[in-house]
Amino acid sequence: MIQRHWTCVAHPELADTYERHLRTEIFPRIAELQGFVSATVLRREFNEGSAFRIVTEWTSLQAVRGFAGEDVEAAVVPDEVQAMMLRFDERVAHYVVRERVEGEGEG
């Protein structure tokens, strides 16, 4: 299992729009790709804007290539998303998932 991590900071007035764009446009598209497992959105508020870390999980690096192309470390940031950002990573980080421990959670 491979996790792909990407971070950005959205303009404060566009952060909710960006999150909605992920939910309605981006995630439905990548959910159809072979080898896609999951996506997680982390958000943290700052005075300058909203910081996001997007973590997607894939079955293999080959599956990531189906999304990102041959340069798997290149960020995939459509023009409409770039316009919402104060800054964003142009390169992503990949991690091999070595172990997952799950709890019972609440309730």
PDB file of N, CA and C in Angstrom:
ATOM      1  N   MET A   1       0.856  -1.171   0.000  1.00  0.00           N
ATOM      2  CA  MET A   1       0.000   0.000   0.000  1.00  0.00           C
ATOM      3  C   MET A   1       0.899   1.230   0.000  1.00  0.00           C
ATOM      4  N   ILE A   2       0.519   2.216  -0.784  1.00  0.00           N
ATOM      5  CA  ILE A   2       1.267   3.464  -0.907  1.00  0.00           C
ATOM      6  C   ILE A   2       0.368   4.635  -0.510  1.00  0.00           C
ATOM      7  N   GLN A   3       0.892   5.525   0.322  1.00  0.00           N
ATOM      8  CA  GLN A   3       0.197   6.775   0.611  1.00  0.00           C
ATOM      9  C   GLN A   3       0.902   7.905  -0.118  1.00  0.00           C
ATOM     10  N   ARG A   4       0.104   8.804  -0.690  1.00  0.00           N
ATOM     11  CA  ARG A   4       0.597   9.981  -1.411  1.00  0.00           C
ATOM     12  C   ARG A   4       0.168  11.206  -0.603  1.00  0.00           C
ATOM     13  N   HIS A   5       1.138  12.018  -0.160  1.00  0.00           N
ATOM     14  CA  HIS A   5       0.867  13.186   0.684  1.00  0.00           C
ATOM     15  C   HIS A   5       1.163  14.468  -0.094  1.00  0.00           C
ATOM     16  N   TRP A   6       0.217  15.404  -0.042  1.00  0.00           N
ATOM     17  CA  TRP A   6       0.368  16.698  -0.707  1.00  0.00           C
ATOM     18  C   TRP A   6      -0.202  17.768   0.202  1.00  0.00           C
ATOM     19  N   THR A   7       0.460  18.922   0.285  1.00  0.00           N
ATOM     20  CA  THR A   7      -0.029  20.006   1.129  1.00  0.00           C
ATOM     21  C   THR A   7      -0.188  21.295   0.339  1.00  0.00           C
ATOM     22  N   CYS A   8      -1.093  22.137   0.841  1.00  0.00           N
ATOM     23  CA  CYS A   8      -1.345  23.437   0.218  1.00  0.00           C
ATOM     24  C   CYS A   8      -1.924  24.366   1.272  1.00  0.00           C
ATOM     25  N   VAL A   9      -1.949  25.657   0.950  1.00  0.00           N
ATOM     26  CA  VAL A   9      -2.629  26.649   1.781  1.00  0.00           C
ATOM     27  C   VAL A   9      -3.584  27.410   0.868  1.00  0.00           C
ATOM     28  N   ALA A  10      -4.867  27.333   1.199  1.00  0.00           N
ATOM     29  CA  ALA A  10      -5.905  27.988   0.398  1.00  0.00           C
ATOM     30  C   ALA A  10      -6.178  29.392   0.929  1.00  0.00           C
ATOM     31  N   HIS A  11      -6.538  30.291   0.009  1.00  0.00           N
ATOM     32  CA  HIS A  11      -7.018  31.613   0.421  1.00  0.00           C
ATOM     33  C   HIS A  11      -8.160  31.408   1.414  1.00  0.00           C
ATOM     34  N   PRO A  12      -8.213  32.190   2.487  1.00  0.00           N
ATOM     35  CA  PRO A  12      -9.232  31.956   3.523  1.00  0.00           C
ATOM     36  C   PRO A  12     -10.657  31.945   2.976  1.00  0.00           C
ATOM     37  N   GLU A  13     -10.953  32.822   2.041  1.00  0.00           N
ATOM     38  CA  GLU A  13     -12.320  32.903   1.511  1.00  0.00           C
ATOM     39  C   GLU A  13     -12.630  31.806   0.495  1.00  0.00           C
ATOM     40  N   LEU A  14     -11.607  31.024   0.098  1.00  0.00           N
ATOM     41  CA  LEU A  14     -11.816  29.965  -0.891  1.00  0.00           C
ATOM     42  C   LEU A  14     -11.618  28.560  -0.330  1.00  0.00           C
ATOM     43  N   ALA A  15     -11.304  28.445   0.942  1.00  0.00           N
ATOM     44  CA  ALA A  15     -11.011  27.133   1.533  1.00  0.00           C
ATOM     45  C   ALA A  15     -12.212  26.195   1.472  1.00  0.00           C
ATOM     46  N   ASP A  16     -13.398  26.688   1.800  1.00  0.00           N
ATOM     47  CA  ASP A  16     -14.590  25.840   1.736  1.00  0.00           C
ATOM     48  C   ASP A  16     -14.892  25.440   0.295  1.00  0.00           C
ATOM     49  N   THR A  17     -14.660  26.350  -0.631  1.00  0.00           N
ATOM     50  CA  THR A  17     -14.856  26.055  -2.062  1.00  0.00           C
ATOM     51  C   THR A  17     -13.900  24.955  -2.498  1.00  0.00           C
ATOM     52  N   TYR A  18     -12.646  25.040  -2.058  1.00  0.00           N
ATOM     53  CA  TYR A  18     -11.668  24.006  -2.395  1.00  0.00           C
ATOM     54  C   TYR A  18     -12.097  22.647  -1.840  1.00  0.00           C
ATOM     55  N   GLU A  19     -12.525  22.634  -0.604  1.00  0.00           N
ATOM     56  CA  GLU A  19     -12.957  21.374   0.000  1.00  0.00           C
ATOM     57  C   GLU A  19     -14.152  20.781  -0.752  1.00  0.00           C
ATOM     58  N   ARG A  20     -15.081  21.610  -1.134  1.00  0.00           N
ATOM     59  CA  ARG A  20     -16.237  21.162  -1.914  1.00  0.00           C
ATOM     60  C   ARG A  20     -15.793  20.629  -3.279  1.00  0.00           C
ATOM     61  N   HIS A  21     -14.812  21.298  -3.903  1.00  0.00           N
ATOM     62  CA  HIS A  21     -14.267  20.858  -5.189  1.00  0.00           C
ATOM     63  C   HIS A  21     -13.658  19.453  -5.061  1.00  0.00           C
ATOM     64  N   LEU A  22     -12.935  19.224  -3.981  1.00  0.00           N
ATOM     65  CA  LEU A  22     -12.382  17.883  -3.752  1.00  0.00           C
ATOM     66  C   LEU A  22     -13.495  16.847  -3.698  1.00  0.00           C
ATOM     67  N   ARG A  23     -14.516  17.142  -2.897  1.00  0.00           N
ATOM     68  CA  ARG A  23     -15.610  16.199  -2.665  1.00  0.00           C
ATOM     69  C   ARG A  23     -16.451  15.934  -3.908  1.00  0.00           C
ATOM     70  N   THR A  24     -16.695  16.970  -4.704  1.00  0.00           N
ATOM     71  CA  THR A  24     -17.636  16.816  -5.824  1.00  0.00           C
ATOM     72  C   THR A  24     -16.975  16.579  -7.175  1.00  0.00           C
ATOM     73  N   GLU A  25     -15.721  17.000  -7.330  1.00  0.00           N
ATOM     74  CA  GLU A  25     -15.055  16.877  -8.626  1.00  0.00           C
ATOM     75  C   GLU A  25     -13.879  15.901  -8.619  1.00  0.00           C
ATOM     76  N   ILE A  26     -12.943  16.121  -7.721  1.00  0.00           N
ATOM     77  CA  ILE A  26     -11.688  15.367  -7.741  1.00  0.00           C
ATOM     78  C   ILE A  26     -11.869  13.936  -7.241  1.00  0.00           C
ATOM     79  N   PHE A  27     -12.404  13.770  -6.052  1.00  0.00           N
ATOM     80  CA  PHE A  27     -12.496  12.434  -5.475  1.00  0.00           C
ATOM     81  C   PHE A  27     -13.388  11.492  -6.283  1.00  0.00           C
ATOM     82  N   PRO A  28     -14.523  11.943  -6.818  1.00  0.00           N
ATOM     83  CA  PRO A  28     -15.294  11.021  -7.655  1.00  0.00           C
ATOM     84  C   PRO A  28     -14.507  10.539  -8.885  1.00  0.00           C
ATOM     85  N   ARG A  29     -13.678  11.419  -9.452  1.00  0.00           N
ATOM     86  CA  ARG A  29     -12.870  11.022 -10.623  1.00  0.00           C
ATOM     87  C   ARG A  29     -11.804  10.010 -10.250  1.00  0.00           C
ATOM     88  N   ILE A  30     -11.062  10.277  -9.166  1.00  0.00           N
ATOM     89  CA  ILE A  30      -9.979   9.341  -8.844  1.00  0.00           C
ATOM     90  C   ILE A  30     -10.521   8.041  -8.256  1.00  0.00           C
ATOM     91  N   ALA A  31     -11.718   8.059  -7.698  1.00  0.00           N
ATOM     92  CA  ALA A  31     -12.315   6.834  -7.168  1.00  0.00           C
ATOM     93  C   ALA A  31     -12.530   5.797  -8.264  1.00  0.00           C
ATOM     94  N   GLU A  32     -12.613   6.252  -9.500  1.00  0.00           N
ATOM     95  CA  GLU A  32     -12.807   5.341 -10.635  1.00  0.00           C
ATOM     96  C   GLU A  32     -11.508   4.724 -11.137  1.00  0.00           C
ATOM     97  N   LEU A  33     -10.369   5.222 -10.664  1.00  0.00           N
ATOM     98  CA  LEU A  33      -9.084   4.727 -11.150  1.00  0.00           C
ATOM     99  C   LEU A  33      -8.715   3.399 -10.491  1.00  0.00           C
ATOM    100  N   GLN A  34      -8.175   2.513 -11.302  1.00  0.00           N
ATOM    101  CA  GLN A  34      -7.749   1.213 -10.789  1.00  0.00           C
ATOM    102  C   GLN A  34      -6.637   1.410  -9.759  1.00  0.00           C
ATOM    103  N   GLY A  35      -6.773   0.774  -8.625  1.00  0.00           N
ATOM    104  CA  GLY A  35      -5.759   0.838  -7.588  1.00  0.00           C
ATOM    105  C   GLY A  35      -5.959   1.935  -6.565  1.00  0.00           C
ATOM    106  N   PHE A  36      -6.954   2.794  -6.758  1.00  0.00           N
ATOM    107  CA  PHE A  36      -7.257   3.819  -5.753  1.00  0.00           C
ATOM    108  C   PHE A  36      -7.947   3.142  -4.572  1.00  0.00           C
ATOM    109  N   VAL A  37      -7.518   3.496  -3.346  1.00  0.00           N
ATOM    110  CA  VAL A  37      -8.085   2.887  -2.144  1.00  0.00           C
ATOM    111  C   VAL A  37      -8.900   3.902  -1.342  1.00  0.00           C
ATOM    112  N   SER A  38      -8.303   5.063  -1.032  1.00  0.00           N
ATOM    113  CA  SER A  38      -9.012   6.027  -0.190  1.00  0.00           C
ATOM    114  C   SER A  38      -8.367   7.402  -0.295  1.00  0.00           C
ATOM    115  N   ALA A  39      -9.082   8.394   0.245  1.00  0.00           N
ATOM    116  CA  ALA A  39      -8.549   9.762   0.332  1.00  0.00           C
ATOM    117  C   ALA A  39      -8.955  10.343   1.674  1.00  0.00           C
ATOM    118  N   THR A  40      -8.033  11.091   2.258  1.00  0.00           N
ATOM    119  CA  THR A  40      -8.281  11.757   3.531  1.00  0.00           C
ATOM    120  C   THR A  40      -7.927  13.229   3.373  1.00  0.00           C
ATOM    121  N   VAL A  41      -8.780  14.098   3.896  1.00  0.00           N
ATOM    122  CA  VAL A  41      -8.535  15.537   3.874  1.00  0.00           C
ATOM    123  C   VAL A  41      -8.312  16.000   5.302  1.00  0.00           C
ATOM    124  N   LEU A  42      -7.146  16.593   5.541  1.00  0.00           N
ATOM    125  CA  LEU A  42      -6.835  17.185   6.835  1.00  0.00           C
ATOM    126  C   LEU A  42      -6.799  18.696   6.643  1.00  0.00           C
ATOM    127  N   ARG A  43      -7.365  19.436   7.589  1.00  0.00           N
ATOM    128  CA  ARG A  43      -7.441  20.891   7.457  1.00  0.00           C
ATOM    129  C   ARG A  43      -7.037  21.545   8.770  1.00  0.00           C
ATOM    130  N   ARG A  44      -6.256  22.614   8.649  1.00  0.00           N
ATOM    131  CA  ARG A  44      -5.800  23.368   9.819  1.00  0.00           C
ATOM    132  C   ARG A  44      -5.891  24.849   9.491  1.00  0.00           C
ATOM    133  N   GLU A  45      -6.506  25.615  10.390  1.00  0.00           N
ATOM    134  CA  GLU A  45      -6.719  27.038  10.158  1.00  0.00           C
ATOM    135  C   GLU A  45      -5.536  27.863  10.655  1.00  0.00           C
ATOM    136  N   PHE A  46      -5.144  28.830   9.848  1.00  0.00           N
ATOM    137  CA  PHE A  46      -4.117  29.804  10.190  1.00  0.00           C
ATOM    138  C   PHE A  46      -4.663  31.188   9.881  1.00  0.00           C
ATOM    139  N   ASN A  47      -4.004  32.240  10.365  1.00  0.00           N
ATOM    140  CA  ASN A  47      -4.427  33.602  10.056  1.00  0.00           C
ATOM    141  C   ASN A  47      -4.393  33.867   8.557  1.00  0.00           C
ATOM    142  N   GLU A  48      -3.393  33.337   7.881  1.00  0.00           N
ATOM    143  CA  GLU A  48      -3.239  33.620   6.450  1.00  0.00           C
ATOM    144  C   GLU A  48      -4.162  32.801   5.560  1.00  0.00           C
ATOM    145  N   GLY A  49      -4.661  31.688   6.041  1.00  0.00           N
ATOM    146  CA  GLY A  49      -5.511  30.829   5.216  1.00  0.00           C
ATOM    147  C   GLY A  49      -5.691  29.467   5.851  1.00  0.00           C
ATOM    148  N   SER A  50      -6.200  28.537   5.068  1.00  0.00           N
ATOM    149  CA  SER A  50      -6.440  27.179   5.540  1.00  0.00           C
ATOM    150  C   SER A  50      -5.413  26.242   4.933  1.00  0.00           C
ATOM    151  N   ALA A  51      -4.680  25.555   5.794  1.00  0.00           N
ATOM    152  CA  ALA A  51      -3.700  24.570   5.327  1.00  0.00           C
ATOM    153  C   ALA A  51      -4.400  23.226   5.183  1.00  0.00           C
ATOM    154  N   PHE A  52      -4.102  22.544   4.099  1.00  0.00           N
ATOM    155  CA  PHE A  52      -4.660  21.224   3.843  1.00  0.00           C
ATOM    156  C   PHE A  52      -3.532  20.230   3.625  1.00  0.00           C
ATOM    157  N   ARG A  53      -3.730  19.024   4.092  1.00  0.00           N
ATOM    158  CA  ARG A  53      -2.891  17.885   3.712  1.00  0.00           C
ATOM    159  C   ARG A  53      -3.854  16.869   3.124  1.00  0.00           C
ATOM    160  N   ILE A  54      -3.606  16.511   1.885  1.00  0.00           N
ATOM    161  CA  ILE A  54      -4.425  15.519   1.199  1.00  0.00           C
ATOM    162  C   ILE A  54      -3.612  14.227   1.148  1.00  0.00           C
ATOM    163  N   VAL A  55      -4.185  13.174   1.685  1.00  0.00           N
ATOM    164  CA  VAL A  55      -3.520  11.871   1.698  1.00  0.00           C
ATOM    165  C   VAL A  55      -4.381  10.899   0.909  1.00  0.00           C
ATOM    166  N   THR A  56      -3.819  10.408  -0.175  1.00  0.00           N
ATOM    167  CA  THR A  56      -4.522   9.373  -0.929  1.00  0.00           C
ATOM    168  C   THR A  56      -3.770   8.066  -0.749  1.00  0.00           C
ATOM    169  N   GLU A  57      -4.515   6.989  -0.816  1.00  0.00           N
ATOM    170  CA  GLU A  57      -3.911   5.671  -0.637  1.00  0.00           C
ATOM    171  C   GLU A  57      -4.174   4.843  -1.887  1.00  0.00           C
ATOM    172  N   TRP A  58      -3.133   4.144  -2.312  1.00  0.00           N
ATOM    173  CA  TRP A  58      -3.144   3.379  -3.558  1.00  0.00           C
ATOM    174  C   TRP A  58      -2.588   1.986  -3.313  1.00  0.00           C
ATOM    175  N   THR A  59      -2.966   1.053  -4.142  1.00  0.00           N
ATOM    176  CA  THR A  59      -2.492  -0.318  -3.969  1.00  0.00           C
ATOM    177  C   THR A  59      -1.019  -0.472  -4.315  1.00  0.00           C
ATOM    178  N   SER A  60      -0.495   0.398  -5.190  1.00  0.00           N
ATOM    179  CA  SER A  60       0.899   0.279  -5.627  1.00  0.00           C
ATOM    180  C   SER A  60       1.355   1.589  -6.262  1.00  0.00           C
ATOM    181  N   LEU A  61       2.654   1.713  -6.468  1.00  0.00           N
ATOM    182  CA  LEU A  61       3.192   2.876  -7.176  1.00  0.00           C
ATOM    183  C   LEU A  61       2.722   2.877  -8.629  1.00  0.00           C
ATOM    184  N   GLN A  62       2.538   1.707  -9.196  1.00  0.00           N
ATOM    185  CA  GLN A  62       2.003   1.611 -10.560  1.00  0.00           C
ATOM    186  C   GLN A  62       0.598   2.212 -10.622  1.00  0.00           C
ATOM    187  N   ALA A  63      -0.203   1.996  -9.599  1.00  0.00           N
ATOM    188  CA  ALA A  63      -1.542   2.596  -9.552  1.00  0.00           C
ATOM    189  C   ALA A  63      -1.440   4.115  -9.469  1.00  0.00           C
ATOM    190  N   VAL A  64      -0.471   4.619  -8.710  1.00  0.00           N
ATOM    191  CA  VAL A  64      -0.256   6.070  -8.623  1.00  0.00           C
ATOM    192  C   VAL A  64       0.071   6.621 -10.013  1.00  0.00           C
ATOM    193  N   ARG A  65       0.851   5.895 -10.789  1.00  0.00           N
ATOM    194  CA  ARG A  65       1.189   6.342 -12.155  1.00  0.00           C
ATOM    195  C   ARG A  65      -0.065   6.535 -13.009  1.00  0.00           C
ATOM    196  N   GLY A  66      -1.079   5.734 -12.759  1.00  0.00           N
ATOM    197  CA  GLY A  66      -2.335   5.893 -13.484  1.00  0.00           C
ATOM    198  C   GLY A  66      -3.012   7.219 -13.209  1.00  0.00           C
ATOM    199  N   PHE A  67      -2.688   7.813 -12.082  1.00  0.00           N
ATOM    200  CA  PHE A  67      -3.221   9.128 -11.710  1.00  0.00           C
ATOM    201  C   PHE A  67      -2.260  10.248 -12.080  1.00  0.00           C
ATOM    202  N   ALA A  68      -0.988  10.088 -11.707  1.00  0.00           N
ATOM    203  CA  ALA A  68      -0.013  11.180 -11.805  1.00  0.00           C
ATOM    204  C   ALA A  68       0.824  11.164 -13.068  1.00  0.00           C
ATOM    205  N   GLY A  69       0.888  10.026 -13.744  1.00  0.00           N
ATOM    206  CA  GLY A  69       1.765   9.913 -14.905  1.00  0.00           C
ATOM    207  C   GLY A  69       3.118   9.353 -14.495  1.00  0.00           C
ATOM    208  N   GLU A  70       4.055   9.361 -15.421  1.00  0.00           N
ATOM    209  CA  GLU A  70       5.365   8.755 -15.176  1.00  0.00           C
ATOM    210  C   GLU A  70       6.136   9.422 -14.049  1.00  0.00           C
ATOM    211  N   ASP A  71       6.044  10.729 -13.927  1.00  0.00           N
ATOM    212  CA  ASP A  71       6.711  11.434 -12.831  1.00  0.00           C
ATOM    213  C   ASP A  71       5.761  11.416 -11.632  1.00  0.00           C
ATOM    214  N   VAL A  72       5.805  10.324 -10.880  1.00  0.00           N
ATOM    215  CA  VAL A  72       4.816  10.122  -9.811  1.00  0.00           C
ATOM    216  C   VAL A  72       4.927  11.144  -8.689  1.00  0.00           C
ATOM    217  N   GLU A  73       6.059  11.809  -8.579  1.00  0.00           N
ATOM    218  CA  GLU A  73       6.224  12.803  -7.521  1.00  0.00           C
ATOM    219  C   GLU A  73       5.747  14.193  -7.932  1.00  0.00           C
ATOM    220  N   ALA A  74       5.345  14.360  -9.165  1.00  0.00           N
ATOM    221  CA  ALA A  74       4.797  15.644  -9.620  1.00  0.00           C
ATOM    222  C   ALA A  74       3.385  15.809  -9.059  1.00  0.00           C
ATOM    223  N   ALA A  75       3.124  16.960  -8.482  1.00  0.00           N
ATOM    224  CA  ALA A  75       1.778  17.246  -7.981  1.00  0.00           C
ATOM    225  C   ALA A  75       0.830  17.419  -9.165  1.00  0.00           C
ATOM    226  N   VAL A  76      -0.387  16.946  -8.996  1.00  0.00           N
ATOM    227  CA  VAL A  76      -1.435  17.108 -10.003  1.00  0.00           C
ATOM    228  C   VAL A  76      -2.366  18.193  -9.466  1.00  0.00           C
ATOM    229  N   VAL A  77      -2.198  19.417  -9.988  1.00  0.00           N
ATOM    230  CA  VAL A  77      -2.937  20.566  -9.457  1.00  0.00           C
ATOM    231  C   VAL A  77      -3.575  21.307 -10.634  1.00  0.00           C
ATOM    232  N   PRO A  78      -4.853  21.052 -10.901  1.00  0.00           N
ATOM    233  CA  PRO A  78      -5.525  21.724 -12.007  1.00  0.00           C
ATOM    234  C   PRO A  78      -5.504  23.251 -11.841  1.00  0.00           C
ATOM    235  N   ASP A  79      -5.584  23.963 -12.947  1.00  0.00           N
ATOM    236  CA  ASP A  79      -5.552  25.429 -12.933  1.00  0.00           C
ATOM    237  C   ASP A  79      -6.591  26.031 -11.991  1.00  0.00           C
ATOM    238  N   GLU A  80      -7.807  25.466 -11.976  1.00  0.00           N
ATOM    239  CA  GLU A  80      -8.852  26.027 -11.120  1.00  0.00           C
ATOM    240  C   GLU A  80      -8.506  25.858  -9.637  1.00  0.00           C
ATOM    241  N   VAL A  81      -7.749  24.834  -9.289  1.00  0.00           N
ATOM    242  CA  VAL A  81      -7.302  24.648  -7.911  1.00  0.00           C
ATOM    243  C   VAL A  81      -6.154  25.609  -7.600  1.00  0.00           C
ATOM    244  N   GLN A  82      -5.224  25.764  -8.517  1.00  0.00           N
ATOM    245  CA  GLN A  82      -4.115  26.698  -8.307  1.00  0.00           C
ATOM    246  C   GLN A  82      -4.630  28.096  -7.993  1.00  0.00           C
ATOM    247  N   ALA A  83      -5.713  28.494  -8.630  1.00  0.00           N
ATOM    248  CA  ALA A  83      -6.280  29.826  -8.405  1.00  0.00           C
ATOM    249  C   ALA A  83      -6.823  29.995  -6.983  1.00  0.00           C
ATOM    250  N   MET A  84      -7.108  28.890  -6.300  1.00  0.00           N
ATOM    251  CA  MET A  84      -7.635  28.945  -4.930  1.00  0.00           C
ATOM    252  C   MET A  84      -6.525  28.981  -3.882  1.00  0.00           C
ATOM    253  N   MET A  85      -5.287  28.802  -4.316  1.00  0.00           N
ATOM    254  CA  MET A  85      -4.181  28.592  -3.390  1.00  0.00           C
ATOM    255  C   MET A  85      -3.311  29.829  -3.172  1.00  0.00           C
ATOM    256  N   LEU A  86      -2.851  29.985  -1.954  1.00  0.00           N
ATOM    257  CA  LEU A  86      -1.769  30.930  -1.661  1.00  0.00           C
ATOM    258  C   LEU A  86      -0.439  30.288  -2.045  1.00  0.00           C
ATOM    259  N   ARG A  87      -0.336  28.989  -1.740  1.00  0.00           N
ATOM    260  CA  ARG A  87       0.855  28.212  -2.130  1.00  0.00           C
ATOM    261  C   ARG A  87       0.490  26.729  -2.069  1.00  0.00           C
ATOM    262  N   PHE A  88       1.297  25.936  -2.763  1.00  0.00           N
ATOM    263  CA  PHE A  88       1.080  24.489  -2.762  1.00  0.00           C
ATOM    264  C   PHE A  88       2.379  23.783  -3.118  1.00  0.00           C
ATOM    265  N   ASP A  89       2.472  22.544  -2.692  1.00  0.00           N
ATOM    266  CA  ASP A  89       3.631  21.717  -3.021  1.00  0.00           C
ATOM    267  C   ASP A  89       3.591  21.355  -4.502  1.00  0.00           C
ATOM    268  N   GLU A  90       4.706  21.545  -5.172  1.00  0.00           N
ATOM    269  CA  GLU A  90       4.800  21.110  -6.570  1.00  0.00           C
ATOM    270  C   GLU A  90       5.232  19.656  -6.673  1.00  0.00           C
ATOM    271  N   ARG A  91       5.763  19.137  -5.565  1.00  0.00           N
ATOM    272  CA  ARG A  91       6.178  17.737  -5.489  1.00  0.00           C
ATOM    273  C   ARG A  91       5.435  17.095  -4.314  1.00  0.00           C
ATOM    274  N   VAL A  92       5.152  15.830  -4.432  1.00  0.00           N
ATOM    275  CA  VAL A  92       4.465  15.100  -3.369  1.00  0.00           C
ATOM    276  C   VAL A  92       5.428  14.108  -2.726  1.00  0.00           C
ATOM    277  N   ALA A  93       5.025  13.570  -1.595  1.00  0.00           N
ATOM    278  CA  ALA A  93       5.804  12.537  -0.918  1.00  0.00           C
ATOM    279  C   ALA A  93       4.991  11.249  -0.895  1.00  0.00           C
ATOM    280  N   HIS A  94       5.668  10.145  -1.151  1.00  0.00           N
ATOM    281  CA  HIS A  94       5.028   8.828  -1.096  1.00  0.00           C
ATOM    282  C   HIS A  94       5.618   8.036   0.066  1.00  0.00           C
ATOM    283  N   TYR A  95       4.763   7.305   0.737  1.00  0.00           N
ATOM    284  CA  TYR A  95       5.169   6.465   1.856  1.00  0.00           C
ATOM    285  C   TYR A  95       4.606   5.070   1.658  1.00  0.00           C
ATOM    286  N   VAL A  96       5.412   4.075   1.966  1.00  0.00           N
ATOM    287  CA  VAL A  96       4.930   2.703   1.976  1.00  0.00           C
ATOM    288  C   VAL A  96       4.281   2.468   3.330  1.00  0.00           C
ATOM    289  N   VAL A  97       3.061   1.991   3.325  1.00  0.00           N
ATOM    290  CA  VAL A  97       2.363   1.683   4.572  1.00  0.00           C
ATOM    291  C   VAL A  97       2.925   0.359   5.084  1.00  0.00           C
ATOM    292  N   ARG A  98       3.577   0.418   6.212  1.00  0.00           N
ATOM    293  CA  ARG A  98       4.240  -0.761   6.767  1.00  0.00           C
ATOM    294  C   ARG A  98       3.340  -1.505   7.754  1.00  0.00           C
ATOM    295  N   GLU A  99       2.511  -0.744   8.454  1.00  0.00           N
ATOM    296  CA  GLU A  99       1.654  -1.369   9.447  1.00  0.00           C
ATOM    297  C   GLU A  99       0.473  -0.440   9.704  1.00  0.00           C
ATOM    298  N   ARG A 100      -0.669  -1.037   9.963  1.00  0.00           N
ATOM    299  CA  ARG A 100      -1.860  -0.267  10.302  1.00  0.00           C
ATOM    300  C   ARG A 100      -2.456  -0.890  11.550  1.00  0.00           C
ATOM    301  N   VAL A 101      -2.661  -0.080  12.563  1.00  0.00           N
ATOM    302  CA  VAL A 101      -3.272  -0.538  13.798  1.00  0.00           C
ATOM    303  C   VAL A 101      -4.612   0.177  13.901  1.00  0.00           C
ATOM    304  N   GLU A 102      -5.658  -0.566  14.063  1.00  0.00           N
ATOM    305  CA  GLU A 102      -6.983   0.018  14.160  1.00  0.00           C
ATOM    306  C   GLU A 102      -7.576  -0.254  15.528  1.00  0.00           C
ATOM    307  N   GLY A 103      -8.203   0.759  16.089  1.00  0.00           N
ATOM    308  CA  GLY A 103      -8.863   0.629  17.384  1.00  0.00           C
ATOM    309  C   GLY A 103     -10.352   0.437  17.201  1.00  0.00           C
ATOM    310  N   GLU A 104     -11.019   0.358  18.297  1.00  0.00           N
ATOM    311  CA  GLU A 104     -12.474   0.187  18.272  1.00  0.00           C
ATOM    312  C   GLU A 104     -13.188   1.512  18.051  1.00  0.00           C
ATOM    313  N   GLY A 105     -12.462   2.637  18.254  1.00  0.00           N
ATOM    314  CA  GLY A 105     -13.099   3.941  18.083  1.00  0.00           C
ATOM    315  C   GLY A 105     -14.032   4.248  19.229  1.00  0.00           C
ATOM    316  N   GLU A 106     -14.789   5.297  19.034  1.00  0.00           N
ATOM    317  CA  GLU A 106     -15.758   5.708  20.067  1.00  0.00           C
ATOM    318  C   GLU A 106     -17.043   4.936  19.928  1.00  0.00           C
ATOM    319  N   GLY A 107     -17.698   4.743  21.045  1.00  0.00           N
ATOM    320  CA  GLY A 107     -19.034   4.244  21.020  1.00  0.00           C
ATOM    321  C   GLY A 107     -19.146   2.803  21.173  1.00  0.00           C
TER     322      GLY A 107
END
